[in-house]
Amino acid sequence: MNLKPVHTEDGEIYEVFAKIKDDDPYQHIGSVVAPDPDLAGMYARTLYNEWNWSGMFIAPRREIITLIGPR
């Protein structure tokens, strides 16, 4: 089972993960919608710039596979 929906009429949904300290694990901080990965990265950096992140990455929602979830 994958997360739904994976896109909107404005583009693909990307999940955003970040961490504050290098030793911290990445945490899901939100999502953005964009027509391509480059714009998704720009949107994520702009939208979630309230913290001084030590790391941030995006993943297309369509690529995330749920291992344990609602039955």
C-alpha atoms as a PDB file:
ATOM      1  CA  MET A   1       0.000   0.000   0.000  1.00  0.00           C
ATOM      2  CA  ASN A   2       1.377   3.410  -0.945  1.00  0.00           C
ATOM      3  CA  LEU A   3       0.358   6.822   0.334  1.00  0.00           C
ATOM      4  CA  LYS A   4      -2.513   8.365  -1.632  1.00  0.00           C
ATOM      5  CA  PRO A   5      -2.875  10.648  -3.514  1.00  0.00           C
ATOM      6  CA  VAL A   6       0.504  10.866  -5.241  1.00  0.00           C
ATOM      7  CA  HIS A   7      -0.210  13.896  -7.421  1.00  0.00           C
ATOM      8  CA  THR A   8      -2.577  16.811  -7.888  1.00  0.00           C
ATOM      9  CA  GLU A   9      -3.459  18.887 -10.928  1.00  0.00           C
ATOM     10  CA  ASP A  10      -0.538  21.174  -9.935  1.00  0.00           C
ATOM     11  CA  GLY A  11       2.081  18.423  -9.906  1.00  0.00           C
ATOM     12  CA  GLU A  12       3.544  15.528  -7.990  1.00  0.00           C
ATOM     13  CA  ILE A  13       3.492  15.377  -4.177  1.00  0.00           C
ATOM     14  CA  TYR A  14       6.910  15.236  -2.500  1.00  0.00           C
ATOM     15  CA  GLU A  15       7.418  14.417   1.175  1.00  0.00           C
ATOM     16  CA  VAL A  16       9.983  16.567   3.001  1.00  0.00           C
ATOM     17  CA  PHE A  17      12.358  15.220   5.674  1.00  0.00           C
ATOM     18  CA  ALA A  18      14.874  17.237   7.704  1.00  0.00           C
ATOM     19  CA  LYS A  19      17.090  17.230  10.780  1.00  0.00           C
ATOM     20  CA  ILE A  20      18.505  20.038  12.908  1.00  0.00           C
ATOM     21  CA  LYS A  21      21.716  18.419  14.207  1.00  0.00           C
ATOM     22  CA  ASP A  22      24.010  16.124  12.259  1.00  0.00           C
ATOM     23  CA  ASP A  23      23.477  13.381  14.876  1.00  0.00           C
ATOM     24  CA  ASP A  24      19.663  13.652  14.760  1.00  0.00           C
ATOM     25  CA  PRO A  25      17.540  11.264  12.726  1.00  0.00           C
ATOM     26  CA  TYR A  26      15.598  12.695   9.813  1.00  0.00           C
ATOM     27  CA  GLN A  27      11.972  13.541  10.599  1.00  0.00           C
ATOM     28  CA  HIS A  28       9.037  14.105   8.275  1.00  0.00           C
ATOM     29  CA  ILE A  29       8.265  17.824   8.359  1.00  0.00           C
ATOM     30  CA  GLY A  30       5.670  18.165   5.612  1.00  0.00           C
ATOM     31  CA  SER A  31       5.062  17.958   1.897  1.00  0.00           C
ATOM     32  CA  VAL A  32       5.144  20.113  -1.218  1.00  0.00           C
ATOM     33  CA  VAL A  33       3.544  19.879  -4.659  1.00  0.00           C
ATOM     34  CA  ALA A  34       5.665  20.613  -7.712  1.00  0.00           C
ATOM     35  CA  PRO A  35       5.889  19.673 -11.401  1.00  0.00           C
ATOM     36  CA  ASP A  36       9.487  18.408 -11.031  1.00  0.00           C
ATOM     37  CA  PRO A  37      12.092  17.539  -8.352  1.00  0.00           C
ATOM     38  CA  ASP A  38      14.102  20.756  -8.809  1.00  0.00           C
ATOM     39  CA  LEU A  39      11.105  22.955  -8.047  1.00  0.00           C
ATOM     40  CA  ALA A  40      10.063  20.627  -5.222  1.00  0.00           C
ATOM     41  CA  GLY A  41      13.469  21.153  -3.609  1.00  0.00           C
ATOM     42  CA  MET A  42      13.205  24.914  -3.993  1.00  0.00           C
ATOM     43  CA  TYR A  43       9.669  24.913  -2.548  1.00  0.00           C
ATOM     44  CA  ALA A  44      10.759  22.750   0.404  1.00  0.00           C
ATOM     45  CA  ARG A  45      13.755  24.969   1.240  1.00  0.00           C
ATOM     46  CA  THR A  46      11.585  28.092   0.977  1.00  0.00           C
ATOM     47  CA  LEU A  47       8.535  26.786   2.839  1.00  0.00           C
ATOM     48  CA  TYR A  48      10.397  25.067   5.691  1.00  0.00           C
ATOM     49  CA  ASN A  49      13.168  27.632   6.258  1.00  0.00           C
ATOM     50  CA  GLU A  50      12.125  28.465   9.845  1.00  0.00           C
ATOM     51  CA  TRP A  51      14.911  26.278  11.267  1.00  0.00           C
ATOM     52  CA  ASN A  52      18.618  26.092  10.547  1.00  0.00           C
ATOM     53  CA  TRP A  53      18.521  22.529   9.184  1.00  0.00           C
ATOM     54  CA  SER A  54      21.706  20.463   8.992  1.00  0.00           C
ATOM     55  CA  GLY A  55      20.085  18.210   6.403  1.00  0.00           C
ATOM     56  CA  MET A  56      16.942  18.060   4.283  1.00  0.00           C
ATOM     57  CA  PHE A  57      15.714  15.757   1.544  1.00  0.00           C
ATOM     58  CA  ILE A  58      12.585  15.192  -0.500  1.00  0.00           C
ATOM     59  CA  ALA A  59      11.072  11.966  -1.772  1.00  0.00           C
ATOM     60  CA  PRO A  60       8.290  11.548  -4.311  1.00  0.00           C
ATOM     61  CA  ARG A  61       5.270  10.225  -2.433  1.00  0.00           C
ATOM     62  CA  ARG A  62       4.766   7.586  -5.158  1.00  0.00           C
ATOM     63  CA  GLU A  63       8.115   6.021  -4.139  1.00  0.00           C
ATOM     64  CA  ILE A  64       7.250   5.656  -0.440  1.00  0.00           C
ATOM     65  CA  ILE A  65       5.988   2.203   0.443  1.00  0.00           C
ATOM     66  CA  THR A  66       3.967   1.703   3.619  1.00  0.00           C
ATOM     67  CA  LEU A  67       5.177  -1.328   5.566  1.00  0.00           C
ATOM     68  CA  ILE A  68       2.816  -1.098   8.526  1.00  0.00           C
ATOM     69  CA  GLY A  69      -0.395   0.875   8.359  1.00  0.00           C
ATOM     70  CA  PRO A  70      -4.170   0.805   8.724  1.00  0.00           C
ATOM     71  CA  ARG A  71      -5.738  -2.586   8.123  1.00  0.00           C
END
